[in-house]
Amino acid sequence: VIVGGILAVEMVAVIGERTFGAATRPRPVPADYSNTRE
């Protein structure tokens, strides 16, 4: 329960910072962009 609680707090902190924090726009990528190559 302790380990699960720590993991839940960490996930809420990461997701909450992305959701409720400053809105950051993803950088534009070119048309031939490949996430596999990156």
PDB file of all heavy atoms in Angstrom:
ATOM      1  N   VAL A   1       0.832  -1.205   0.000  1.00  0.00           N
ATOM      2  CA  VAL A   1       0.000   0.000   0.000  1.00  0.00           C
ATOM      3  C   VAL A   1       0.868   1.257   0.000  1.00  0.00           C
ATOM      4  O   VAL A   1       0.579   2.235  -0.710  1.00  0.00           O
ATOM      5  CB  VAL A   1      -0.945  -0.021   1.221  1.00  0.00           C
ATOM      6  CG1 VAL A   1      -1.614   1.327   1.406  1.00  0.00           C
ATOM      7  CG2 VAL A   1      -1.988  -1.107   1.059  1.00  0.00           C
ATOM      8  N   ILE A   2       1.976   1.232   0.742  1.00  0.00           N
ATOM      9  CA  ILE A   2       2.872   2.387   0.776  1.00  0.00           C
ATOM     10  C   ILE A   2       3.498   2.628  -0.597  1.00  0.00           C
ATOM     11  O   ILE A   2       3.507   3.757  -1.116  1.00  0.00           O
ATOM     12  CB  ILE A   2       3.960   2.187   1.857  1.00  0.00           C
ATOM     13  CG1 ILE A   2       3.328   2.241   3.250  1.00  0.00           C
ATOM     14  CG2 ILE A   2       5.054   3.242   1.730  1.00  0.00           C
ATOM     15  CD1 ILE A   2       4.268   1.852   4.364  1.00  0.00           C
ATOM     16  N   VAL A   3       4.015   1.557  -1.220  1.00  0.00           N
ATOM     17  CA  VAL A   3       4.628   1.698  -2.545  1.00  0.00           C
ATOM     18  C   VAL A   3       3.594   2.141  -3.575  1.00  0.00           C
ATOM     19  O   VAL A   3       3.849   3.031  -4.399  1.00  0.00           O
ATOM     20  CB  VAL A   3       5.305   0.376  -2.964  1.00  0.00           C
ATOM     21  CG1 VAL A   3       5.774   0.438  -4.407  1.00  0.00           C
ATOM     22  CG2 VAL A   3       6.475   0.057  -2.052  1.00  0.00           C
ATOM     23  N   GLY A   4       2.388   1.556  -3.531  1.00  0.00           N
ATOM     24  CA  GLY A   4       1.333   1.964  -4.460  1.00  0.00           C
ATOM     25  C   GLY A   4       0.923   3.412  -4.269  1.00  0.00           C
ATOM     26  O   GLY A   4       0.656   4.130  -5.239  1.00  0.00           O
ATOM     27  N   GLY A   5       0.868   3.860  -3.003  1.00  0.00           N
ATOM     28  CA  GLY A   5       0.540   5.255  -2.742  1.00  0.00           C
ATOM     29  C   GLY A   5       1.585   6.218  -3.279  1.00  0.00           C
ATOM     30  O   GLY A   5       1.250   7.262  -3.857  1.00  0.00           O
ATOM     31  N   ILE A   6       2.853   5.863  -3.107  1.00  0.00           N
ATOM     32  CA  ILE A   6       3.938   6.708  -3.644  1.00  0.00           C
ATOM     33  C   ILE A   6       3.849   6.790  -5.160  1.00  0.00           C
ATOM     34  O   ILE A   6       3.971   7.872  -5.758  1.00  0.00           O
ATOM     35  CB  ILE A   6       5.303   6.176  -3.188  1.00  0.00           C
ATOM     36  CG1 ILE A   6       5.462   6.348  -1.676  1.00  0.00           C
ATOM     37  CG2 ILE A   6       6.439   6.883  -3.912  1.00  0.00           C
ATOM     38  CD1 ILE A   6       6.683   5.673  -1.102  1.00  0.00           C
ATOM     39  N   LEU A   7       3.597   5.647  -5.819  1.00  0.00           N
ATOM     40  CA  LEU A   7       3.465   5.650  -7.281  1.00  0.00           C
ATOM     41  C   LEU A   7       2.274   6.493  -7.721  1.00  0.00           C
ATOM     42  O   LEU A   7       2.353   7.240  -8.704  1.00  0.00           O
ATOM     43  CB  LEU A   7       3.318   4.211  -7.789  1.00  0.00           C
ATOM     44  CG  LEU A   7       4.564   3.332  -7.735  1.00  0.00           C
ATOM     45  CD1 LEU A   7       4.234   1.905  -8.139  1.00  0.00           C
ATOM     46  CD2 LEU A   7       5.649   3.888  -8.633  1.00  0.00           C
ATOM     47  N   ALA A   8       1.164   6.396  -6.997  1.00  0.00           N
ATOM     48  CA  ALA A   8      -0.020   7.185  -7.360  1.00  0.00           C
ATOM     49  C   ALA A   8       0.253   8.685  -7.207  1.00  0.00           C
ATOM     50  O   ALA A   8      -0.138   9.478  -8.075  1.00  0.00           O
ATOM     51  CB  ALA A   8      -1.204   6.764  -6.495  1.00  0.00           C
ATOM     52  N   VAL A   9       0.940   9.072  -6.125  1.00  0.00           N
ATOM     53  CA  VAL A   9       1.270  10.489  -5.932  1.00  0.00           C
ATOM     54  C   VAL A   9       2.183  10.989  -7.051  1.00  0.00           C
ATOM     55  O   VAL A   9       2.001  12.095  -7.582  1.00  0.00           O
ATOM     56  CB  VAL A   9       1.910  10.694  -4.542  1.00  0.00           C
ATOM     57  CG1 VAL A   9       2.523  12.083  -4.419  1.00  0.00           C
ATOM     58  CG2 VAL A   9       0.870  10.482  -3.453  1.00  0.00           C
ATOM     59  N   GLU A  10       3.175  10.182  -7.428  1.00  0.00           N
ATOM     60  CA  GLU A  10       4.078  10.586  -8.511  1.00  0.00           C
ATOM     61  C   GLU A  10       3.327  10.745  -9.828  1.00  0.00           C
ATOM     62  O   GLU A  10       3.554  11.708 -10.575  1.00  0.00           O
ATOM     63  CB  GLU A  10       5.202   9.561  -8.664  1.00  0.00           C
ATOM     64  CG  GLU A  10       6.196   9.565  -7.512  1.00  0.00           C
ATOM     65  CD  GLU A  10       7.233   8.480  -7.659  1.00  0.00           C
ATOM     66  OE1 GLU A  10       7.089   7.628  -8.564  1.00  0.00           O
ATOM     67  OE2 GLU A  10       8.195   8.486  -6.877  1.00  0.00           O
ATOM     68  N   MET A  11       2.421   9.815 -10.132  1.00  0.00           N
ATOM     69  CA  MET A  11       1.671   9.905 -11.387  1.00  0.00           C
ATOM     70  C   MET A  11       0.747  11.118 -11.395  1.00  0.00           C
ATOM     71  O   MET A  11       0.634  11.813 -12.407  1.00  0.00           O
ATOM     72  CB  MET A  11       0.874   8.616 -11.611  1.00  0.00           C
ATOM     73  CG  MET A  11       1.758   7.443 -11.993  1.00  0.00           C
ATOM     74  SD  MET A  11       0.964   5.829 -12.043  1.00  0.00           S
ATOM     75  CE  MET A  11      -0.581   6.129 -12.746  1.00  0.00           C
ATOM     76  N   VAL A  12       0.101  11.391 -10.264  1.00  0.00           N
ATOM     77  CA  VAL A  12      -0.772  12.570 -10.191  1.00  0.00           C
ATOM     78  C   VAL A  12       0.053  13.849 -10.338  1.00  0.00           C
ATOM     79  O   VAL A  12      -0.369  14.809 -11.000  1.00  0.00           O
ATOM     80  CB  VAL A  12      -1.557  12.560  -8.860  1.00  0.00           C
ATOM     81  CG1 VAL A  12      -2.214  13.907  -8.610  1.00  0.00           C
ATOM     82  CG2 VAL A  12      -2.603  11.464  -8.887  1.00  0.00           C
ATOM     83  N   ALA A  13       1.266  13.856  -9.762  1.00  0.00           N
ATOM     84  CA  ALA A  13       2.117  15.051  -9.881  1.00  0.00           C
ATOM     85  C   ALA A  13       2.525  15.289 -11.328  1.00  0.00           C
ATOM     86  O   ALA A  13       2.492  16.421 -11.822  1.00  0.00           O
ATOM     87  CB  ALA A  13       3.358  14.895  -9.000  1.00  0.00           C
ATOM     88  N   VAL A  14       2.884  14.209 -12.034  1.00  0.00           N
ATOM     89  CA  VAL A  14       3.304  14.366 -13.428  1.00  0.00           C
ATOM     90  C   VAL A  14       2.125  14.760 -14.309  1.00  0.00           C
ATOM     91  O   VAL A  14       2.202  15.712 -15.099  1.00  0.00           O
ATOM     92  CB  VAL A  14       3.958  13.062 -13.940  1.00  0.00           C
ATOM     93  CG1 VAL A  14       4.188  13.128 -15.435  1.00  0.00           C
ATOM     94  CG2 VAL A  14       5.262  12.817 -13.222  1.00  0.00           C
ATOM     95  N   ILE A  15       1.005  14.047 -14.182  1.00  0.00           N
ATOM     96  CA  ILE A  15      -0.155  14.344 -15.024  1.00  0.00           C
ATOM     97  C   ILE A  15      -0.761  15.695 -14.650  1.00  0.00           C
ATOM     98  O   ILE A  15      -1.184  16.467 -15.513  1.00  0.00           O
ATOM     99  CB  ILE A  15      -1.194  13.215 -14.905  1.00  0.00           C
ATOM    100  CG1 ILE A  15      -0.615  11.921 -15.465  1.00  0.00           C
ATOM    101  CG2 ILE A  15      -2.477  13.575 -15.628  1.00  0.00           C
ATOM    102  CD1 ILE A  15      -1.483  10.707 -15.251  1.00  0.00           C
ATOM    103  N   GLY A  16      -0.807  16.016 -13.351  1.00  0.00           N
ATOM    104  CA  GLY A  16      -1.365  17.294 -12.920  1.00  0.00           C
ATOM    105  C   GLY A  16      -0.550  18.469 -13.413  1.00  0.00           C
ATOM    106  O   GLY A  16      -1.095  19.508 -13.785  1.00  0.00           O
ATOM    107  N   GLU A  17       0.768  18.327 -13.445  1.00  0.00           N
ATOM    108  CA  GLU A  17       1.622  19.414 -13.943  1.00  0.00           C
ATOM    109  C   GLU A  17       1.381  19.637 -15.428  1.00  0.00           C
ATOM    110  O   GLU A  17       1.367  20.762 -15.898  1.00  0.00           O
ATOM    111  CB  GLU A  17       3.091  19.061 -13.673  1.00  0.00           C
ATOM    112  CG  GLU A  17       4.072  20.197 -13.883  1.00  0.00           C
ATOM    113  CD  GLU A  17       4.546  20.289 -15.316  1.00  0.00           C
ATOM    114  OE1 GLU A  17       4.570  19.256 -16.005  1.00  0.00           O
ATOM    115  OE2 GLU A  17       4.874  21.404 -15.757  1.00  0.00           O
ATOM    116  N   ARG A  18       1.138  18.550 -16.159  1.00  0.00           N
ATOM    117  CA  ARG A  18       0.875  18.709 -17.588  1.00  0.00           C
ATOM    118  C   ARG A  18      -0.527  19.259 -17.833  1.00  0.00           C
ATOM    119  O   ARG A  18      -0.751  20.038 -18.754  1.00  0.00           O
ATOM    120  CB  ARG A  18       1.011  17.357 -18.297  1.00  0.00           C
ATOM    121  CG  ARG A  18       2.426  16.890 -18.459  1.00  0.00           C
ATOM    122  CD  ARG A  18       2.459  15.620 -19.255  1.00  0.00           C
ATOM    123  NE  ARG A  18       3.807  15.104 -19.372  1.00  0.00           N
ATOM    124  CZ  ARG A  18       4.105  13.920 -19.880  1.00  0.00           C
ATOM    125  NH1 ARG A  18       3.135  13.132 -20.293  1.00  0.00           N
ATOM    126  NH2 ARG A  18       5.348  13.525 -19.963  1.00  0.00           N
ATOM    127  N   THR A  19      -1.486  18.825 -17.004  1.00  0.00           N
ATOM    128  CA  THR A  19      -2.877  19.213 -17.241  1.00  0.00           C
ATOM    129  C   THR A  19      -3.185  20.597 -16.699  1.00  0.00           C
ATOM    130  O   THR A  19      -3.793  21.421 -17.383  1.00  0.00           O
ATOM    131  CB  THR A  19      -3.820  18.180 -16.593  1.00  0.00           C
ATOM    132  OG1 THR A  19      -3.479  16.884 -17.077  1.00  0.00           O
ATOM    133  CG2 THR A  19      -5.259  18.478 -16.928  1.00  0.00           C
ATOM    134  N   PHE A  20      -2.760  20.854 -15.457  1.00  0.00           N
ATOM    135  CA  PHE A  20      -3.139  22.096 -14.798  1.00  0.00           C
ATOM    136  C   PHE A  20      -2.028  23.139 -14.800  1.00  0.00           C
ATOM    137  O   PHE A  20      -2.237  24.255 -14.357  1.00  0.00           O
ATOM    138  CB  PHE A  20      -3.559  21.817 -13.358  1.00  0.00           C
ATOM    139  CG  PHE A  20      -4.647  20.792 -13.254  1.00  0.00           C
ATOM    140  CD1 PHE A  20      -4.396  19.557 -12.704  1.00  0.00           C
ATOM    141  CD2 PHE A  20      -5.922  21.071 -13.737  1.00  0.00           C
ATOM    142  CE1 PHE A  20      -5.399  18.612 -12.618  1.00  0.00           C
ATOM    143  CE2 PHE A  20      -6.923  20.124 -13.649  1.00  0.00           C
ATOM    144  CZ  PHE A  20      -6.668  18.883 -13.098  1.00  0.00           C
ATOM    145  N   GLY A  21      -0.841  22.760 -15.269  1.00  0.00           N
ATOM    146  CA  GLY A  21       0.263  23.714 -15.295  1.00  0.00           C
ATOM    147  C   GLY A  21       0.163  24.639 -16.492  1.00  0.00           C
ATOM    148  O   GLY A  21      -0.879  24.765 -17.156  1.00  0.00           O
ATOM    149  N   ALA A  22       1.280  25.270 -16.767  1.00  0.00           N
ATOM    150  CA  ALA A  22       1.318  26.192 -17.905  1.00  0.00           C
ATOM    151  C   ALA A  22       1.154  25.398 -19.191  1.00  0.00           C
ATOM    152  O   ALA A  22       1.781  24.369 -19.386  1.00  0.00           O
ATOM    153  CB  ALA A  22       2.643  26.949 -17.915  1.00  0.00           C
ATOM    154  N   ALA A  23       0.279  25.883 -20.041  1.00  0.00           N
ATOM    155  CA  ALA A  23       0.024  25.194 -21.301  1.00  0.00           C
ATOM    156  C   ALA A  23       1.236  25.340 -22.215  1.00  0.00           C
ATOM    157  O   ALA A  23       1.637  26.450 -22.558  1.00  0.00           O
ATOM    158  CB  ALA A  23      -1.222  25.769 -21.969  1.00  0.00           C
ATOM    159  N   THR A  24       1.815  24.211 -22.574  1.00  0.00           N
ATOM    160  CA  THR A  24       2.965  24.217 -23.478  1.00  0.00           C
ATOM    161  C   THR A  24       2.554  23.565 -24.781  1.00  0.00           C
ATOM    162  O   THR A  24       2.034  22.450 -24.792  1.00  0.00           O
ATOM    163  CB  THR A  24       4.148  23.444 -22.861  1.00  0.00           C
ATOM    164  OG1 THR A  24       3.716  22.120 -22.550  1.00  0.00           O
ATOM    165  CG2 THR A  24       4.631  24.126 -21.587  1.00  0.00           C
ATOM    166  N   ARG A  25       2.783  24.255 -25.835  1.00  0.00           N
ATOM    167  CA  ARG A  25       2.448  23.729 -27.154  1.00  0.00           C
ATOM    168  C   ARG A  25       3.570  22.819 -27.634  1.00  0.00           C
ATOM    169  O   ARG A  25       4.745  23.138 -27.469  1.00  0.00           O
ATOM    170  CB  ARG A  25       2.285  24.875 -28.146  1.00  0.00           C
ATOM    171  CG  ARG A  25       1.148  25.785 -27.805  1.00  0.00           C
ATOM    172  CD  ARG A  25      -0.118  25.256 -28.368  1.00  0.00           C
ATOM    173  NE  ARG A  25      -1.229  26.134 -28.089  1.00  0.00           N
ATOM    174  CZ  ARG A  25      -2.475  25.776 -28.233  1.00  0.00           C
ATOM    175  NH1 ARG A  25      -2.752  24.566 -28.629  1.00  0.00           N
ATOM    176  NH2 ARG A  25      -3.445  26.601 -27.965  1.00  0.00           N
ATOM    177  N   PRO A  26       3.239  21.664 -28.231  1.00  0.00           N
ATOM    178  CA  PRO A  26       4.302  20.832 -28.792  1.00  0.00           C
ATOM    179  C   PRO A  26       4.943  21.533 -29.988  1.00  0.00           C
ATOM    180  O   PRO A  26       4.284  22.259 -30.736  1.00  0.00           O
ATOM    181  CB  PRO A  26       3.576  19.554 -29.212  1.00  0.00           C
ATOM    182  CG  PRO A  26       2.152  19.944 -29.355  1.00  0.00           C
ATOM    183  CD  PRO A  26       1.924  21.068 -28.389  1.00  0.00           C
ATOM    184  N   ARG A  27       6.230  21.304 -30.130  1.00  0.00           N
ATOM    185  CA  ARG A  27       6.933  21.967 -31.226  1.00  0.00           C
ATOM    186  C   ARG A  27       6.473  21.393 -32.557  1.00  0.00           C
ATOM    187  O   ARG A  27       6.200  20.195 -32.670  1.00  0.00           O
ATOM    188  CB  ARG A  27       8.443  21.813 -31.075  1.00  0.00           C
ATOM    189  CG  ARG A  27       8.940  20.393 -31.136  1.00  0.00           C
ATOM    190  CD  ARG A  27      10.440  20.347 -30.934  1.00  0.00           C
ATOM    191  NE  ARG A  27      10.938  18.984 -30.952  1.00  0.00           N
ATOM    192  CZ  ARG A  27      11.301  18.330 -32.037  1.00  0.00           C
ATOM    193  NH1 ARG A  27      11.201  18.921 -33.221  1.00  0.00           N
ATOM    194  NH2 ARG A  27      11.762  17.094 -31.967  1.00  0.00           N
ATOM    195  N   PRO A  28       6.371  22.220 -33.578  1.00  0.00           N
ATOM    196  CA  PRO A  28       5.950  21.710 -34.893  1.00  0.00           C
ATOM    197  C   PRO A  28       7.029  20.814 -35.481  1.00  0.00           C
ATOM    198  O   PRO A  28       8.228  21.035 -35.295  1.00  0.00           O
ATOM    199  CB  PRO A  28       5.756  22.984 -35.725  1.00  0.00           C
ATOM    200  CG  PRO A  28       6.583  24.021 -35.043  1.00  0.00           C
ATOM    201  CD  PRO A  28       6.606  23.667 -33.585  1.00  0.00           C
ATOM    202  N   VAL A  29       6.593  19.797 -36.188  1.00  0.00           N
ATOM    203  CA  VAL A  29       7.524  18.847 -36.797  1.00  0.00           C
ATOM    204  C   VAL A  29       7.332  18.871 -38.300  1.00  0.00           C
ATOM    205  O   VAL A  29       6.230  19.158 -38.798  1.00  0.00           O
ATOM    206  CB  VAL A  29       7.310  17.422 -36.243  1.00  0.00           C
ATOM    207  CG1 VAL A  29       7.660  17.363 -34.762  1.00  0.00           C
ATOM    208  CG2 VAL A  29       5.881  16.957 -36.454  1.00  0.00           C
ATOM    209  N   PRO A  30       8.383  18.583 -39.062  1.00  0.00           N
ATOM    210  CA  PRO A  30       8.237  18.558 -40.521  1.00  0.00           C
ATOM    211  C   PRO A  30       7.396  17.373 -40.978  1.00  0.00           C
ATOM    212  O   PRO A  30       7.099  16.457 -40.214  1.00  0.00           O
ATOM    213  CB  PRO A  30       9.694  18.445 -41.017  1.00  0.00           C
ATOM    214  CG  PRO A  30      10.455  17.896 -39.870  1.00  0.00           C
ATOM    215  CD  PRO A  30       9.768  18.386 -38.633  1.00  0.00           C
ATOM    216  N   ALA A  31       7.028  17.396 -42.236  1.00  0.00           N
ATOM    217  CA  ALA A  31       6.146  16.357 -42.779  1.00  0.00           C
ATOM    218  C   ALA A  31       6.815  14.993 -42.819  1.00  0.00           C
ATOM    219  O   ALA A  31       6.146  13.965 -42.679  1.00  0.00           O
ATOM    220  CB  ALA A  31       5.689  16.758 -44.187  1.00  0.00           C
ATOM    221  N   ASP A  32       8.147  14.952 -43.018  1.00  0.00           N
ATOM    222  CA  ASP A  32       8.839  13.667 -43.098  1.00  0.00           C
ATOM    223  C   ASP A  32       9.380  13.223 -41.737  1.00  0.00           C
ATOM    224  O   ASP A  32      10.293  12.404 -41.667  1.00  0.00           O
ATOM    225  CB  ASP A  32       9.986  13.753 -44.114  1.00  0.00           C
ATOM    226  CG  ASP A  32      11.019  14.812 -43.715  1.00  0.00           C
ATOM    227  OD1 ASP A  32      10.698  15.667 -42.860  1.00  0.00           O
ATOM    228  OD2 ASP A  32      12.136  14.769 -44.269  1.00  0.00           O
ATOM    229  N   TYR A  33       8.812  13.737 -40.641  1.00  0.00           N
ATOM    230  CA  TYR A  33       9.280  13.386 -39.294  1.00  0.00           C
ATOM    231  C   TYR A  33       8.909  11.943 -38.974  1.00  0.00           C
ATOM    232  O   TYR A  33       7.797  11.498 -39.240  1.00  0.00           O
ATOM    233  CB  TYR A  33       8.663  14.329 -38.268  1.00  0.00           C
ATOM    234  CG  TYR A  33       9.019  13.997 -36.836  1.00  0.00           C
ATOM    235  CD1 TYR A  33      10.242  14.347 -36.302  1.00  0.00           C
ATOM    236  CD2 TYR A  33       8.104  13.315 -36.022  1.00  0.00           C
ATOM    237  CE1 TYR A  33      10.560  14.046 -34.994  1.00  0.00           C
ATOM    238  CE2 TYR A  33       8.412  13.012 -34.715  1.00  0.00           C
ATOM    239  CZ  TYR A  33       9.643  13.384 -34.203  1.00  0.00           C
ATOM    240  OH  TYR A  33       9.956  13.077 -32.911  1.00  0.00           O
ATOM    241  N   SER A  34       9.858  11.205 -38.383  1.00  0.00           N
ATOM    242  CA  SER A  34       9.623   9.821 -37.992  1.00  0.00           C
ATOM    243  C   SER A  34       9.970   9.666 -36.518  1.00  0.00           C
ATOM    244  O   SER A  34      11.119   9.894 -36.126  1.00  0.00           O
ATOM    245  CB  SER A  34      10.479   8.873 -38.836  1.00  0.00           C
ATOM    246  OG  SER A  34      10.409   7.560 -38.334  1.00  0.00           O
ATOM    247  N   ASN A  35       8.975   9.304 -35.723  1.00  0.00           N
ATOM    248  CA  ASN A  35       9.265   9.127 -34.305  1.00  0.00           C
ATOM    249  C   ASN A  35      10.151   7.915 -34.057  1.00  0.00           C
ATOM    250  O   ASN A  35      10.881   7.868 -33.072  1.00  0.00           O
ATOM    251  CB  ASN A  35       7.971   9.037 -33.487  1.00  0.00           C
ATOM    252  CG  ASN A  35       7.072   7.920 -33.955  1.00  0.00           C
ATOM    253  OD1 ASN A  35       7.442   7.137 -34.820  1.00  0.00           O
ATOM    254  ND2 ASN A  35       5.882   7.858 -33.391  1.00  0.00           N
ATOM    255  N   THR A  36      10.120   6.919 -34.960  1.00  0.00           N
ATOM    256  CA  THR A  36      11.006   5.757 -34.819  1.00  0.00           C
ATOM    257  C   THR A  36      12.459   6.170 -35.005  1.00  0.00           C
ATOM    258  O   THR A  36      13.336   5.761 -34.229  1.00  0.00           O
ATOM    259  CB  THR A  36      10.616   4.683 -35.846  1.00  0.00           C
ATOM    260  OG1 THR A  36       9.231   4.372 -35.702  1.00  0.00           O
ATOM    261  CG2 THR A  36      11.447   3.438 -35.655  1.00  0.00           C
ATOM    262  N   ARG A  37      12.732   6.996 -36.013  1.00  0.00           N
ATOM    263  CA  ARG A  37      14.096   7.475 -36.238  1.00  0.00           C
ATOM    264  C   ARG A  37      14.574   8.338 -35.076  1.00  0.00           C
ATOM    265  O   ARG A  37      15.704   8.214 -34.611  1.00  0.00           O
ATOM    266  CB  ARG A  37      14.171   8.253 -37.553  1.00  0.00           C
ATOM    267  CG  ARG A  37      15.594   8.654 -37.924  1.00  0.00           C
ATOM    268  CD  ARG A  37      15.653   9.545 -39.152  1.00  0.00           C
ATOM    269  NE  ARG A  37      14.975   8.970 -40.294  1.00  0.00           N
ATOM    270  CZ  ARG A  37      13.931   9.536 -40.903  1.00  0.00           C
ATOM    271  NH1 ARG A  37      13.452  10.695 -40.477  1.00  0.00           N
ATOM    272  NH2 ARG A  37      13.364   8.967 -41.936  1.00  0.00           N
ATOM    273  N   GLU A  38      13.686   9.181 -34.577  1.00  0.00           N
ATOM    274  CA  GLU A  38      14.051  10.045 -33.450  1.00  0.00           C
ATOM    275  C   GLU A  38      14.307   9.224 -32.191  1.00  0.00           C
ATOM    276  O   GLU A  38      15.244   9.493 -31.434  1.00  0.00           O
ATOM    277  CB  GLU A  38      12.934  11.054 -33.205  1.00  0.00           C
ATOM    278  CG  GLU A  38      13.243  12.103 -32.176  1.00  0.00           C
ATOM    279  CD  GLU A  38      14.345  13.049 -32.601  1.00  0.00           C
ATOM    280  OE1 GLU A  38      14.607  13.167 -33.818  1.00  0.00           O
ATOM    281  OE2 GLU A  38      14.960  13.677 -31.714  1.00  0.00           O
TER     282      GLU A  38
END
